[in-house]
Amino acid sequence: NLVRNGAPSPADIAMFQRLLTSQSIDPGLSETLRDWLDTDSTVSQGGAEDIDYLSLPQPYRSANQPLQSVDELRLVKGFSAKDVEKLRPYVTALPVPTSVNVNTAPDQVLAALFTNLPAAALKPVLESRVSKPFADAAQFIAQLPSGTPPPPPSLYGINTGYFLVTIDIRYGRLQRRTEALIERAGGKSASVLWHRLPPLQFETKPDEKT
């Protein structure tokens, strides 16, 4: 969501910076990701565009479009494989900007909605939604610690329009994971946007050498 309608979204960028900080990742990487997503070739402060990627030993261009997968982050300047694995439980790649579903989001994502609210302070909120999910955004705000300013309305809600389905298959020593992204339109019909079948993996026994 760092780029909405072709323009940077300050509220989303600030939220992502807070998430990066919570995972001990340089918040400045929000700028390189912003440049990866936007449609222009202007390098933002601390960012990176084609001029940076084309000078690599194995050159490529910035995407200038939404991420196709979380793994694509590894192509973005500054993101290490370790950074991507840290972020994987908290981020996703969708075709359009969406809001955070406060009924299902992990505690670190909920905390990133706020300028200065630690994840531990949200424990009552997390416990409350287990027994009774929030019916609207107002109920969520009412559960926050007293005096907590609400986040920008565009950042959060109670609905989910996309679902990532992951299936792990094992047959003998063969392992395979298949994933599909499903879109639910209007709360009624559902359609598969993509289906991916990664290469087969073989289970390695402890006494086998690689």
Protein backbone atom coordinates (compact mmCIF):
# COMPACT_ATOMS: atom_id res chain seq x y z
CA ASN A 1 0.00 0.00 0.00
CA LEU A 2 3.00 2.33 -0.06
CA VAL A 3 1.75 3.65 -3.40
CA ARG A 4 -1.95 4.37 -3.97
CA ASN A 5 -3.31 5.55 -7.31
CA GLY A 6 0.23 6.07 -8.58
CA ALA A 7 1.27 8.37 -5.72
CA PRO A 8 3.13 7.70 -2.46
CA SER A 9 0.86 7.21 0.55
CA PRO A 10 2.47 8.91 3.58
CA ALA A 11 0.23 7.10 6.08
CA ASP A 12 1.04 3.68 4.63
CA ILE A 13 4.75 4.49 4.39
CA ALA A 14 4.83 5.55 8.05
CA MET A 15 3.04 2.36 9.07
CA PHE A 16 5.50 0.22 7.12
CA GLN A 17 8.41 2.06 8.72
CA ARG A 18 7.04 1.23 12.15
CA LEU A 19 6.69 -2.42 11.16
CA LEU A 20 10.28 -2.47 9.89
CA THR A 21 11.51 -0.92 13.13
CA SER A 22 9.63 -3.53 15.19
CA GLN A 23 11.56 -6.23 13.32
CA SER A 24 14.93 -4.47 13.76
CA ILE A 25 15.05 -3.66 10.03
CA ASP A 26 16.20 -0.29 8.67
CA PRO A 27 13.01 1.81 8.27
CA GLY A 28 14.74 3.62 5.41
CA LEU A 29 14.04 0.57 3.25
CA SER A 30 10.52 1.92 2.88
CA GLU A 31 11.98 4.40 0.37
CA THR A 32 13.63 1.76 -1.80
CA LEU A 33 10.40 -0.24 -1.81
CA ARG A 34 8.40 2.88 -2.63
CA ASP A 35 10.61 3.50 -5.68
CA TRP A 36 10.25 -0.16 -6.68
CA LEU A 37 6.46 0.22 -6.69
CA ASP A 38 5.88 3.70 -8.15
CA THR A 39 5.62 4.31 -11.89
CA ASP A 40 8.23 7.05 -12.25
CA SER A 41 12.02 6.96 -12.53
CA THR A 42 12.66 9.65 -9.94
CA VAL A 43 14.87 8.45 -7.10
CA SER A 44 13.40 9.41 -3.73
CA GLN A 45 15.71 10.31 -0.86
CA GLY A 46 17.30 7.04 0.21
CA GLY A 47 15.51 5.17 -2.58
CA ALA A 48 16.60 3.34 -5.73
CA GLU A 49 15.47 3.25 -9.35
CA ASP A 50 16.60 1.66 -12.64
CA ILE A 51 19.91 3.51 -12.55
CA ASP A 52 20.83 1.55 -9.40
CA TYR A 53 19.62 -1.86 -10.55
CA LEU A 54 21.06 -1.64 -14.07
CA SER A 55 24.53 -1.10 -12.62
CA LEU A 56 24.49 -4.46 -10.81
CA PRO A 57 26.63 -7.40 -12.06
CA GLN A 58 23.36 -9.06 -13.11
CA PRO A 59 21.28 -6.01 -14.09
CA TYR A 60 17.50 -5.73 -14.02
CA ARG A 61 14.92 -2.96 -13.82
CA SER A 62 12.66 -1.89 -11.00
CA ALA A 63 9.15 -3.31 -11.26
CA ASN A 64 7.21 -0.01 -11.18
CA GLN A 65 4.10 -1.98 -10.27
CA PRO A 66 2.64 -3.79 -7.22
CA LEU A 67 4.59 -6.72 -5.82
CA GLN A 68 3.72 -10.08 -7.34
CA SER A 69 4.90 -12.01 -4.28
CA VAL A 70 6.60 -11.43 -0.94
CA ASP A 71 9.72 -13.13 -2.34
CA GLU A 72 10.06 -10.23 -4.80
CA LEU A 73 11.28 -8.11 -1.89
CA ARG A 74 14.64 -9.84 -2.27
CA LEU A 75 15.10 -7.96 -5.54
CA VAL A 76 14.59 -4.59 -3.86
CA LYS A 77 17.79 -2.79 -2.92
CA GLY A 78 18.66 -3.18 0.75
CA PHE A 79 16.37 -6.11 1.58
CA SER A 80 18.31 -9.20 2.65
CA ALA A 81 16.96 -12.74 2.67
CA LYS A 82 16.87 -12.49 6.47
CA ASP A 83 14.82 -9.29 6.30
CA VAL A 84 12.28 -10.92 4.00
CA GLU A 85 11.85 -13.91 6.32
CA LYS A 86 11.35 -11.57 9.28
CA LEU A 87 8.62 -9.71 7.39
CA ARG A 88 6.92 -12.73 5.81
CA PRO A 89 4.44 -13.35 8.68
CA TYR A 90 3.31 -9.72 8.56
CA VAL A 91 3.14 -8.71 4.89
CA THR A 92 1.52 -9.91 1.69
CA ALA A 93 1.40 -9.04 -2.00
CA LEU A 94 -2.02 -8.11 -3.39
CA PRO A 95 -3.11 -6.58 -6.72
CA VAL A 96 -4.73 -3.51 -5.12
CA PRO A 97 -4.31 -1.50 -1.90
CA THR A 98 -6.28 -2.92 1.02
CA SER A 99 -6.84 -2.04 4.66
CA VAL A 100 -5.69 -4.05 7.67
CA ASN A 101 -8.39 -6.33 9.03
CA VAL A 102 -8.29 -5.61 12.76
CA ASN A 103 -10.06 -8.91 13.48
CA THR A 104 -7.31 -11.06 12.01
CA ALA A 105 -4.08 -9.01 11.82
CA PRO A 106 -1.08 -10.10 13.95
CA ASP A 107 -0.19 -7.98 16.96
CA GLN A 108 2.87 -6.44 15.29
CA VAL A 109 0.75 -5.27 12.34
CA LEU A 110 -1.89 -3.78 14.63
CA ALA A 111 0.80 -1.98 16.62
CA ALA A 112 2.24 -0.54 13.39
CA LEU A 113 -1.08 1.24 12.82
CA PHE A 114 -0.23 3.58 15.69
CA THR A 115 2.50 6.17 16.09
CA ASN A 116 3.50 5.16 19.61
CA LEU A 117 1.71 2.07 20.90
CA PRO A 118 3.68 -1.09 21.77
CA ALA A 119 2.29 -4.47 20.79
CA ALA A 120 2.00 -5.43 24.47
CA ALA A 121 -0.53 -2.63 25.01
CA LEU A 122 -2.82 -4.32 22.49
CA LYS A 123 -3.15 -7.55 24.48
CA PRO A 124 -6.70 -6.71 25.72
CA VAL A 125 -7.71 -5.94 22.13
CA LEU A 126 -6.35 -9.27 20.88
CA GLU A 127 -8.12 -11.16 23.66
CA SER A 128 -11.39 -9.33 23.05
CA ARG A 129 -11.59 -10.13 19.34
CA VAL A 130 -11.12 -13.87 19.96
CA SER A 131 -14.42 -14.19 21.79
CA LYS A 132 -16.23 -11.43 19.92
CA PRO A 133 -14.86 -10.08 16.62
CA PHE A 134 -15.32 -6.36 16.06
CA ALA A 135 -18.50 -5.59 14.15
CA ASP A 136 -17.15 -2.26 12.93
CA ALA A 137 -14.12 0.00 13.20
CA ALA A 138 -15.71 1.99 16.03
CA GLN A 139 -15.74 -1.07 18.28
CA PHE A 140 -12.04 -1.56 17.64
CA ILE A 141 -11.23 2.05 18.52
CA ALA A 142 -13.32 1.78 21.70
CA GLN A 143 -11.09 -1.07 22.92
CA LEU A 144 -7.86 0.91 22.59
CA PRO A 145 -6.02 2.27 25.64
CA SER A 146 -7.49 5.57 26.80
CA GLY A 147 -6.18 8.58 24.91
CA THR A 148 -4.83 6.60 21.95
CA PRO A 149 -5.36 8.61 18.73
CA PRO A 150 -7.04 6.46 16.06
CA PRO A 151 -5.03 5.68 12.91
CA PRO A 152 -6.05 7.12 9.52
CA PRO A 153 -9.33 5.45 8.43
CA SER A 154 -7.79 4.20 5.17
CA LEU A 155 -5.42 1.93 7.08
CA TYR A 156 -7.85 -0.34 8.90
CA GLY A 157 -11.23 -2.05 8.68
CA ILE A 158 -13.01 -5.30 9.48
CA ASN A 159 -13.25 -6.91 6.05
CA THR A 160 -10.98 -9.19 4.06
CA GLY A 161 -11.27 -9.44 0.29
CA TYR A 162 -8.28 -11.69 -0.39
CA PHE A 163 -7.26 -15.05 1.02
CA LEU A 164 -4.00 -16.94 0.53
CA VAL A 165 -4.59 -20.69 0.55
CA THR A 166 -1.53 -22.85 1.24
CA ILE A 167 -1.55 -26.63 0.90
CA ASP A 168 1.41 -28.82 1.88
CA ILE A 169 1.51 -32.22 0.20
CA ARG A 170 3.78 -35.08 1.22
CA TYR A 171 4.07 -38.44 -0.52
CA GLY A 172 6.88 -40.58 0.78
CA ARG A 173 9.97 -38.40 0.61
CA LEU A 174 8.42 -36.01 -1.89
CA GLN A 175 7.14 -32.68 -0.60
CA ARG A 176 5.31 -29.97 -2.45
CA ARG A 177 3.58 -26.77 -1.44
CA THR A 178 0.90 -25.22 -3.59
CA GLU A 179 -0.52 -21.74 -3.07
CA ALA A 180 -3.51 -19.90 -4.46
CA LEU A 181 -4.76 -16.34 -4.02
CA ILE A 182 -8.54 -16.11 -3.83
CA GLU A 183 -10.55 -12.91 -4.17
CA ARG A 184 -13.96 -12.61 -2.56
CA ALA A 185 -16.06 -10.03 -4.40
CA GLY A 186 -18.86 -8.36 -2.48
CA GLY A 187 -18.84 -11.08 0.15
CA LYS A 188 -20.54 -13.49 -2.25
CA SER A 189 -18.63 -14.97 -5.16
CA ALA A 190 -14.97 -16.02 -5.05
CA SER A 191 -12.42 -16.38 -7.82
CA VAL A 192 -8.86 -17.71 -8.02
CA LEU A 193 -6.49 -14.93 -9.09
CA TRP A 194 -3.44 -17.16 -9.36
CA HIS A 195 -2.21 -20.62 -8.49
CA ARG A 196 1.46 -21.45 -8.00
CA LEU A 197 3.13 -24.84 -7.82
CA PRO A 198 6.78 -24.54 -6.72
CA PRO A 199 9.30 -27.25 -7.70
CA LEU A 200 9.26 -30.62 -5.97
CA GLN A 201 11.34 -30.93 -2.82
CA PHE A 202 12.89 -34.11 -1.50
CA GLU A 203 13.03 -34.76 2.22
CA THR A 204 16.62 -35.24 3.38
CA LYS A 205 17.28 -37.81 6.07
CA PRO A 206 19.54 -36.77 8.98
CA ASP A 207 22.28 -39.24 7.98
CA GLU A 208 22.37 -38.11 4.34
CA LYS A 209 25.04 -35.71 3.14
CA THR A 210 24.28 -32.93 0.68
